[in-house]
Amino acid sequence: MTFTIIHMSALHVAVNTRFLLPGAHLEGIGRFSFETLSRLVAQHPDVTFHFLFDRAFDPRYLFGPNVVPHVLPPPARHPFLYLAWFEGAVALWLARHRPAAFLSPDGFTTLNTRVPRVTVLHDLAFEHFPLDVGLLTRKYYLFFTPRFARASQQLVAVSEATKADIVKTYGVAPTKISVAYNAPAELFRPQPEAAQREIRRRFSHGQPYFLFVGALQPRKNLGNLLRAFDAFKTDGGPTVAAAQLLIVGRKAWKAGPILNAYQQMRHQNAVHFTGRVADAELAGLYAAARATVYVPYFEGFGIPIVEAQASSCPVLTSNVSSMPEVAGAGGALLVDPHEAASIAAGLARLWADAALRQQLVAQGHANLSRFSWAASAEVLWQALLKAM
């Protein structure tokens, strides 16, 4: 058996980049991957990063001359293909090339390797709400994720709440887990009043609106939000007649109950489903909103909270899981996501109380100093060093 001593100047790190998808829009894990990896590459020019894609890649994801791309089929977007990609194609590549470490920012890794692994876990929602995902996906998550967590030399969580959940649910030692927060992109900032009026003209018939941003899927709790908005409109009478609700995001999975809740509303005409919008439009929508309303019943981080805060938009969010932590002390109005009446009461307060809105904006801005993509990239680097 031969052993190779790897000097820092010759360090090679493999990275799972399957969520850096071609196209202009990245969300969730893709955004985390883009923001942290682009900085990691720039911060460590002497390290060679081998980006492992599962399909043809966009050249904009080659963040520096120290990035070497590799396309490993098959495209992994189904549990059987997850298995083929991670335990087959990726494991074979790692065995052939023996990098110093394997970084996976999407919660999955390979069990079939001796290469040290760093895995980012964004949440364990499937452990607590297993019926929110399809049967095969659920079985894959429940079987493999605890094994990924234990097999990885280092884990990175995106919030202290997620770290605590990993410790409690999988029995992983806290010392093995670092925390790397998400952060708002630079395009999220306050907008001039004229730009806000134009956004309202285009999206809400010129009327003030509450904003929800996120994929249409069960965990986002849109059914309760729609019921709460309907109650707010009904109970508020003429004083809230102008209020609109904009729902921005793609239709994801198990959206049927959301659409059923919409069909049962008295005030359907005040709700607008925009679908996914361009990032520049999304920045304008945050800045022009009366408030952002983000009330999932479980969340690993909740990036719309900090995107809204960066846009000088008041935030109403859930009082459970990671959301109070992310919002910061006094940075959002907290409500019970399981009770439509609690959400409706929060909407009424934010609609009527300008001083409260100004206070939340000020506290939200103060909260933003806690979040930095550069700092989160450094957390990943330190985890890699520990793993190696």
Protein backbone atom coordinates (compact mmCIF):
# COMPACT_ATOMS: atom_id res chain seq x y z
CA MET A 1 0.00 0.00 0.00
CA THR A 2 1.34 3.43 -0.90
CA PHE A 3 0.53 6.69 0.84
CA THR A 4 0.53 10.12 -0.75
CA ILE A 5 1.37 13.25 1.24
CA ILE A 6 -0.70 16.13 -0.12
CA HIS A 7 0.81 19.59 0.37
CA MET A 8 -1.47 22.61 0.62
CA SER A 9 -0.19 23.93 -2.75
CA ALA A 10 -1.38 20.68 -4.37
CA LEU A 11 -4.68 20.33 -2.53
CA HIS A 12 -7.58 18.91 -4.54
CA VAL A 13 -11.15 19.10 -3.25
CA ALA A 14 -14.15 17.51 -4.99
CA VAL A 15 -17.50 19.30 -4.75
CA ASN A 16 -21.00 18.08 -5.56
CA THR A 17 -22.40 20.87 -7.75
CA ARG A 18 -25.53 19.20 -9.13
CA PHE A 19 -27.71 22.08 -7.85
CA LEU A 20 -25.81 24.63 -9.95
CA LEU A 21 -28.37 24.19 -12.70
CA PRO A 22 -28.24 25.83 -16.13
CA GLY A 23 -30.51 28.86 -16.44
CA ALA A 24 -30.85 32.22 -14.80
CA HIS A 25 -32.67 31.33 -11.58
CA LEU A 26 -31.29 29.48 -8.59
CA GLU A 27 -33.31 28.85 -5.46
CA GLY A 28 -32.68 27.35 -2.04
CA ILE A 29 -29.80 24.89 -2.12
CA GLY A 30 -28.70 26.12 -5.54
CA ARG A 31 -28.36 29.65 -4.22
CA PHE A 32 -26.44 28.45 -1.15
CA SER A 33 -24.11 26.46 -3.43
CA PHE A 34 -23.53 29.38 -5.78
CA GLU A 35 -22.85 31.99 -3.12
CA THR A 36 -20.58 29.90 -0.89
CA LEU A 37 -18.65 28.08 -3.63
CA SER A 38 -17.95 31.22 -5.65
CA ARG A 39 -16.34 32.74 -2.55
CA LEU A 40 -14.57 29.54 -1.54
CA VAL A 41 -12.92 29.34 -4.96
CA ALA A 42 -11.83 33.00 -4.81
CA GLN A 43 -10.60 32.77 -1.22
CA HIS A 44 -8.36 29.73 -1.94
CA PRO A 45 -6.74 30.16 -5.37
CA ASP A 46 -4.04 27.56 -4.58
CA VAL A 47 -6.64 24.81 -4.13
CA THR A 48 -7.98 22.92 -7.14
CA PHE A 49 -11.74 22.44 -6.87
CA HIS A 50 -13.23 19.62 -8.92
CA PHE A 51 -16.88 20.45 -9.57
CA LEU A 52 -18.95 17.30 -10.14
CA PHE A 53 -22.03 18.06 -12.26
CA ASP A 54 -24.77 15.58 -13.14
CA ARG A 55 -25.54 17.26 -16.49
CA ALA A 56 -24.18 19.81 -18.95
CA PHE A 57 -23.17 22.89 -16.95
CA ASP A 58 -23.34 26.63 -17.40
CA PRO A 59 -19.79 28.08 -17.81
CA ARG A 60 -20.68 30.90 -15.40
CA TYR A 61 -20.35 28.34 -12.59
CA LEU A 62 -16.63 27.91 -13.24
CA PHE A 63 -15.75 30.56 -10.72
CA GLY A 64 -12.00 30.66 -11.32
CA PRO A 65 -9.05 29.06 -13.09
CA ASN A 66 -8.72 26.68 -10.12
CA VAL A 67 -12.07 25.01 -10.95
CA VAL A 68 -12.06 21.81 -13.02
CA PRO A 69 -15.52 20.66 -14.18
CA HIS A 70 -16.57 17.03 -14.58
CA VAL A 71 -19.93 15.78 -15.88
CA LEU A 72 -20.94 12.48 -14.32
CA PRO A 73 -24.18 10.94 -15.61
CA PRO A 74 -26.94 10.14 -14.90
CA PRO A 75 -28.83 13.36 -14.01
CA ALA A 76 -29.82 12.73 -10.40
CA ARG A 77 -33.40 13.91 -9.84
CA HIS A 78 -35.10 10.69 -8.69
CA PRO A 79 -34.35 8.37 -5.75
CA PHE A 80 -33.11 5.57 -8.03
CA LEU A 81 -30.89 8.07 -9.84
CA TYR A 82 -29.67 9.54 -6.53
CA LEU A 83 -28.43 6.07 -5.73
CA ALA A 84 -26.84 5.57 -9.15
CA TRP A 85 -25.12 8.96 -9.03
CA PHE A 86 -23.83 9.12 -5.46
CA GLU A 87 -23.09 5.46 -4.79
CA GLY A 88 -22.08 4.75 -8.39
CA ALA A 89 -20.73 7.60 -10.52
CA VAL A 90 -19.46 9.83 -7.70
CA ALA A 91 -18.02 6.97 -5.66
CA LEU A 92 -16.16 5.68 -8.73
CA TRP A 93 -14.77 9.15 -9.50
CA LEU A 94 -13.60 9.58 -5.91
CA ALA A 95 -11.94 6.14 -5.94
CA ARG A 96 -10.08 6.97 -9.15
CA HIS A 97 -8.94 10.49 -8.25
CA ARG A 98 -8.64 10.38 -4.43
CA PRO A 99 -9.11 14.09 -3.63
CA ALA A 100 -8.28 15.32 -0.16
CA ALA A 101 -11.98 15.83 0.65
CA PHE A 102 -15.49 15.71 -0.82
CA LEU A 103 -17.79 18.66 -0.10
CA SER A 104 -21.52 18.20 -0.68
CA PRO A 105 -23.69 21.29 -0.13
CA ASP A 106 -27.07 19.63 -0.82
CA GLY A 107 -27.50 17.20 2.08
CA PHE A 108 -26.54 14.07 0.12
CA THR A 109 -23.15 12.38 -0.12
CA THR A 110 -21.75 8.93 -0.87
CA LEU A 111 -21.32 6.15 1.65
CA ASN A 112 -19.10 4.21 -0.74
CA THR A 113 -15.82 6.07 -0.24
CA ARG A 114 -12.93 6.56 2.16
CA VAL A 115 -12.45 10.17 1.08
CA PRO A 116 -13.20 12.54 4.00
CA ARG A 117 -16.64 14.11 3.58
CA VAL A 118 -18.16 17.44 4.56
CA THR A 119 -21.94 17.51 4.12
CA VAL A 120 -24.28 20.49 4.45
CA LEU A 121 -27.69 19.62 5.94
CA HIS A 122 -30.31 22.29 5.31
CA ASP A 123 -33.13 20.78 7.36
CA LEU A 124 -34.65 17.52 8.60
CA ALA A 125 -38.21 18.41 7.64
CA PHE A 126 -38.79 14.92 6.20
CA GLU A 127 -38.14 13.42 9.65
CA HIS A 128 -40.88 15.49 11.25
CA PHE A 129 -43.34 15.78 8.35
CA PRO A 130 -42.67 12.67 6.26
CA LEU A 131 -45.97 12.79 4.39
CA ASP A 132 -45.01 16.12 2.82
CA VAL A 133 -42.77 14.32 0.31
CA GLY A 134 -43.43 11.46 -2.09
CA LEU A 135 -43.05 7.83 -1.02
CA LEU A 136 -39.79 6.95 -2.79
CA THR A 137 -38.14 10.26 -1.91
CA ARG A 138 -39.23 9.84 1.70
CA LYS A 139 -37.79 6.33 1.87
CA TYR A 140 -34.49 7.53 0.41
CA TYR A 141 -34.24 10.46 2.84
CA LEU A 142 -35.16 8.44 5.90
CA PHE A 143 -32.75 5.62 5.08
CA PHE A 144 -29.74 7.55 3.80
CA THR A 145 -29.68 10.91 5.60
CA PRO A 146 -28.85 9.56 9.07
CA ARG A 147 -26.17 7.40 7.46
CA PHE A 148 -24.79 10.41 5.57
CA ALA A 149 -24.68 12.36 8.82
CA ARG A 150 -22.75 9.67 10.65
CA ALA A 151 -20.41 8.84 7.76
CA SER A 152 -19.38 12.46 7.15
CA GLN A 153 -16.32 13.63 9.03
CA GLN A 154 -17.88 17.10 9.38
CA LEU A 155 -21.42 18.44 9.02
CA VAL A 156 -22.53 21.99 8.34
CA ALA A 157 -26.02 23.18 9.31
CA VAL A 158 -27.63 26.38 8.05
CA SER A 159 -28.95 27.45 11.47
CA GLU A 160 -28.49 26.67 15.14
CA ALA A 161 -32.03 25.24 15.09
CA THR A 162 -31.03 22.77 12.38
CA LYS A 163 -27.84 21.89 14.24
CA ALA A 164 -29.83 21.14 17.40
CA ASP A 165 -32.26 19.04 15.36
CA ILE A 166 -29.42 16.96 13.90
CA VAL A 167 -27.96 16.40 17.37
CA LYS A 168 -31.31 15.36 18.82
CA THR A 169 -32.61 13.30 15.89
CA TYR A 170 -29.42 11.51 14.82
CA GLY A 171 -27.32 11.59 17.97
CA VAL A 172 -24.44 13.37 16.22
CA ALA A 173 -21.95 15.11 18.52
CA PRO A 174 -22.41 18.92 18.48
CA THR A 175 -18.65 19.34 18.04
CA LYS A 176 -18.94 17.70 14.61
CA ILE A 177 -21.39 20.34 13.34
CA SER A 178 -20.64 23.91 12.26
CA VAL A 179 -23.23 26.55 11.33
CA ALA A 180 -23.11 28.49 8.06
CA TYR A 181 -26.03 30.85 7.62
CA ASN A 182 -27.61 31.90 4.35
CA ALA A 183 -27.47 35.61 3.51
CA PRO A 184 -29.38 38.01 1.25
CA ALA A 185 -27.95 38.75 -2.18
CA GLU A 186 -26.70 42.27 -2.83
CA LEU A 187 -29.59 43.10 -5.16
CA PHE A 188 -32.02 43.09 -2.22
CA ARG A 189 -32.08 46.69 -1.03
CA PRO A 190 -34.58 49.54 -0.50
CA GLN A 191 -36.09 51.01 -3.67
CA PRO A 192 -37.16 54.60 -4.48
CA GLU A 193 -40.84 55.37 -4.07
CA ALA A 194 -41.30 55.78 -7.83
CA ALA A 195 -39.95 52.27 -8.41
CA GLN A 196 -42.25 50.92 -5.71
CA ARG A 197 -45.28 52.51 -7.35
CA GLU A 198 -44.34 50.93 -10.67
CA ILE A 199 -44.07 47.50 -9.04
CA ARG A 200 -47.50 47.92 -7.44
CA ARG A 201 -48.95 49.07 -10.77
CA ARG A 202 -47.61 45.96 -12.50
CA PHE A 203 -48.38 43.33 -9.88
CA SER A 204 -51.22 44.49 -7.60
CA HIS A 205 -53.31 46.96 -9.63
CA GLY A 206 -51.56 49.79 -7.80
CA GLN A 207 -52.79 48.57 -4.39
CA PRO A 208 -50.73 47.83 -1.24
CA TYR A 209 -49.97 44.13 -0.80
CA PHE A 210 -48.61 41.47 1.48
CA LEU A 211 -45.92 39.31 -0.11
CA PHE A 212 -45.21 35.59 0.18
CA VAL A 213 -42.08 34.20 -1.52
CA GLY A 214 -41.46 30.47 -1.81
CA ALA A 215 -42.30 27.29 -3.68
CA LEU A 216 -45.89 26.09 -3.50
CA GLN A 217 -45.46 22.96 -1.38
CA PRO A 218 -46.97 21.73 1.91
CA ARG A 219 -44.31 22.88 4.38
CA LYS A 220 -44.72 26.52 3.33
CA ASN A 221 -48.18 26.48 4.96
CA LEU A 222 -49.92 28.44 2.22
CA GLY A 223 -53.29 26.91 3.03
CA ASN A 224 -53.28 28.56 6.45
CA LEU A 225 -51.94 31.80 4.98
CA LEU A 226 -54.80 31.94 2.47
CA ARG A 227 -57.37 31.22 5.18
CA ALA A 228 -55.78 33.88 7.39
CA PHE A 229 -55.78 36.48 4.61
CA ASP A 230 -59.43 35.73 3.86
CA ALA A 231 -60.34 36.20 7.54
CA PHE A 232 -58.29 39.41 7.68
CA LYS A 233 -60.15 40.80 4.66
CA THR A 234 -63.56 39.71 5.96
CA ASP A 235 -63.12 40.96 9.54
CA GLY A 236 -61.35 44.18 8.56
CA GLY A 237 -64.19 45.44 6.41
CA PRO A 238 -63.69 48.63 4.36
CA THR A 239 -60.46 49.55 6.16
CA VAL A 240 -58.62 46.66 4.46
CA ALA A 241 -60.48 46.69 1.15
CA ALA A 242 -57.35 47.67 -0.78
CA ALA A 243 -55.14 44.91 0.66
CA GLN A 244 -53.78 42.36 -1.80
CA LEU A 245 -51.75 39.17 -1.37
CA LEU A 246 -49.00 38.28 -3.85
CA ILE A 247 -47.73 34.69 -3.89
CA VAL A 248 -44.41 34.48 -5.71
CA GLY A 249 -42.94 31.07 -6.50
CA ARG A 250 -43.18 27.99 -8.63
CA LYS A 251 -45.72 25.24 -8.15
CA ALA A 252 -43.64 22.49 -6.54
CA TRP A 253 -45.22 19.32 -5.14
CA LYS A 254 -48.45 18.36 -3.38
CA ALA A 255 -49.91 21.80 -4.11
CA GLY A 256 -53.48 20.48 -4.28
CA PRO A 257 -54.53 21.52 -0.74
CA ILE A 258 -53.16 25.01 -1.39
CA LEU A 259 -55.30 25.40 -4.49
CA ASN A 260 -58.31 23.96 -2.62
CA ALA A 261 -57.88 26.59 0.10
CA TYR A 262 -57.75 29.26 -2.60
CA GLN A 263 -60.94 27.96 -4.21
CA GLN A 264 -62.77 28.28 -0.88
CA MET A 265 -61.80 31.94 -0.35
CA ARG A 266 -64.32 34.78 -0.35
CA HIS A 267 -61.65 37.22 -1.52
CA GLN A 268 -59.99 35.31 -4.33
CA ASN A 269 -59.79 38.45 -6.46
CA ALA A 270 -57.31 39.95 -3.96
CA VAL A 271 -54.83 37.06 -4.32
CA HIS A 272 -52.34 36.99 -7.20
CA PHE A 273 -50.17 33.98 -8.07
CA THR A 274 -47.26 35.40 -10.04
CA GLY A 275 -45.27 32.20 -10.50
CA ARG A 276 -41.51 32.53 -10.44
CA VAL A 277 -40.17 36.01 -11.27
CA ALA A 278 -36.74 37.33 -12.25
CA ASP A 279 -34.41 38.25 -9.39
CA ALA A 280 -34.58 41.95 -10.21
CA GLU A 281 -38.39 41.85 -10.09
CA LEU A 282 -38.29 39.93 -6.82
CA ALA A 283 -36.09 42.64 -5.29
CA GLY A 284 -38.65 45.23 -6.32
CA LEU A 285 -41.54 43.16 -4.95
CA TYR A 286 -39.93 42.95 -1.50
CA ALA A 287 -39.17 46.67 -1.43
CA ALA A 288 -42.69 47.70 -2.43
CA ALA A 289 -44.60 45.34 -0.12
CA ARG A 290 -46.55 46.42 2.94
CA ALA A 291 -44.93 43.42 4.62
CA THR A 292 -43.50 40.01 3.79
CA VAL A 293 -45.54 37.16 5.27
CA TYR A 294 -43.57 33.94 5.59
CA VAL A 295 -45.22 31.36 7.84
CA PRO A 296 -43.96 27.80 7.20
CA TYR A 297 -44.52 25.32 9.98
CA PHE A 298 -40.91 24.12 9.65
CA GLU A 299 -37.82 25.69 8.08
CA GLY A 300 -34.09 25.03 8.05
CA PHE A 301 -33.31 28.72 7.58
CA GLY A 302 -35.93 30.81 5.76
CA ILE A 303 -34.07 33.10 3.38
CA PRO A 304 -37.10 35.29 2.46
CA ILE A 305 -36.85 36.67 6.01
CA VAL A 306 -33.42 38.21 5.47
CA GLU A 307 -34.14 39.16 1.85
CA ALA A 308 -37.12 41.18 3.09
CA GLN A 309 -35.10 42.76 5.90
CA ALA A 310 -32.42 43.81 3.41
CA SER A 311 -35.18 45.42 1.31
CA SER A 312 -36.54 47.50 4.24
CA CYS A 313 -39.69 45.37 4.25
CA PRO A 314 -41.37 44.46 7.57
CA VAL A 315 -41.59 40.72 8.23
CA LEU A 316 -44.27 38.50 9.73
CA THR A 317 -43.01 34.96 10.31
CA SER A 318 -43.53 31.80 12.33
CA ASN A 319 -42.61 31.39 15.97
CA VAL A 320 -41.25 27.86 15.41
CA SER A 321 -38.06 26.08 14.27
CA SER A 322 -35.37 28.35 12.79
CA MET A 323 -37.46 31.40 11.97
CA PRO A 324 -37.20 33.36 15.26
CA GLU A 325 -33.44 32.72 15.21
CA VAL A 326 -33.08 34.01 11.66
CA ALA A 327 -35.36 37.03 12.18
CA GLY A 328 -33.38 38.10 15.24
CA ALA A 329 -34.65 39.77 18.40
CA GLY A 330 -37.41 42.18 17.43
CA GLY A 331 -36.72 41.69 13.71
CA ALA A 332 -40.12 40.23 12.84
CA LEU A 333 -43.64 39.91 14.14
CA LEU A 334 -43.97 36.28 15.23
CA VAL A 335 -47.17 34.27 14.92
CA ASP A 336 -48.32 30.67 15.38
CA PRO A 337 -48.27 29.10 11.90
CA HIS A 338 -50.66 26.35 12.96
CA GLU A 339 -53.43 28.86 13.75
CA ALA A 340 -54.92 30.85 10.88
CA ALA A 341 -56.39 33.24 13.47
CA SER A 342 -52.90 34.06 14.77
CA ILE A 343 -51.66 34.82 11.25
CA ALA A 344 -54.75 36.93 10.55
CA ALA A 345 -54.20 38.95 13.72
CA GLY A 346 -50.59 39.56 12.65
CA LEU A 347 -51.74 40.76 9.23
CA ALA A 348 -54.18 43.17 10.87
CA ARG A 349 -51.48 44.61 13.13
CA LEU A 350 -49.02 45.12 10.29
CA TRP A 351 -51.68 46.64 8.06
CA ALA A 352 -52.77 49.23 10.60
CA ASP A 353 -49.65 50.04 12.63
CA ALA A 354 -47.14 52.16 10.70
CA ALA A 355 -44.95 52.60 13.81
CA LEU A 356 -44.69 48.82 14.17
CA ARG A 357 -43.69 48.50 10.53
CA GLN A 358 -40.97 51.12 10.96
CA GLN A 359 -39.70 49.40 14.11
CA LEU A 360 -39.50 46.04 12.33
CA VAL A 361 -37.62 47.60 9.42
CA ALA A 362 -35.07 49.16 11.78
CA GLN A 363 -34.59 45.95 13.76
CA GLY A 364 -34.39 43.96 10.54
CA HIS A 365 -31.56 46.12 9.24
CA ALA A 366 -29.68 45.71 12.52
CA ASN A 367 -30.13 41.93 12.27
CA LEU A 368 -28.44 41.70 8.86
CA SER A 369 -24.92 42.09 10.25
CA ARG A 370 -25.13 38.45 11.37
CA PHE A 371 -25.28 37.11 7.82
CA SER A 372 -22.46 37.01 5.28
CA TRP A 373 -21.80 34.62 2.40
CA ALA A 374 -18.07 35.22 2.81
CA ALA A 375 -18.27 34.18 6.46
CA SER A 376 -20.30 31.10 5.55
CA ALA A 377 -17.74 30.13 2.89
CA GLU A 378 -15.07 30.34 5.58
CA VAL A 379 -17.14 27.99 7.77
CA LEU A 380 -17.13 25.47 4.92
CA TRP A 381 -13.36 25.84 4.54
CA GLN A 382 -12.71 25.28 8.23
CA ALA A 383 -14.95 22.18 8.12
CA LEU A 384 -12.91 20.88 5.17
CA LEU A 385 -9.68 21.41 7.10
CA LYS A 386 -11.09 19.54 10.10
CA ALA A 387 -12.28 16.70 7.86
CA MET A 388 -8.90 16.38 6.17
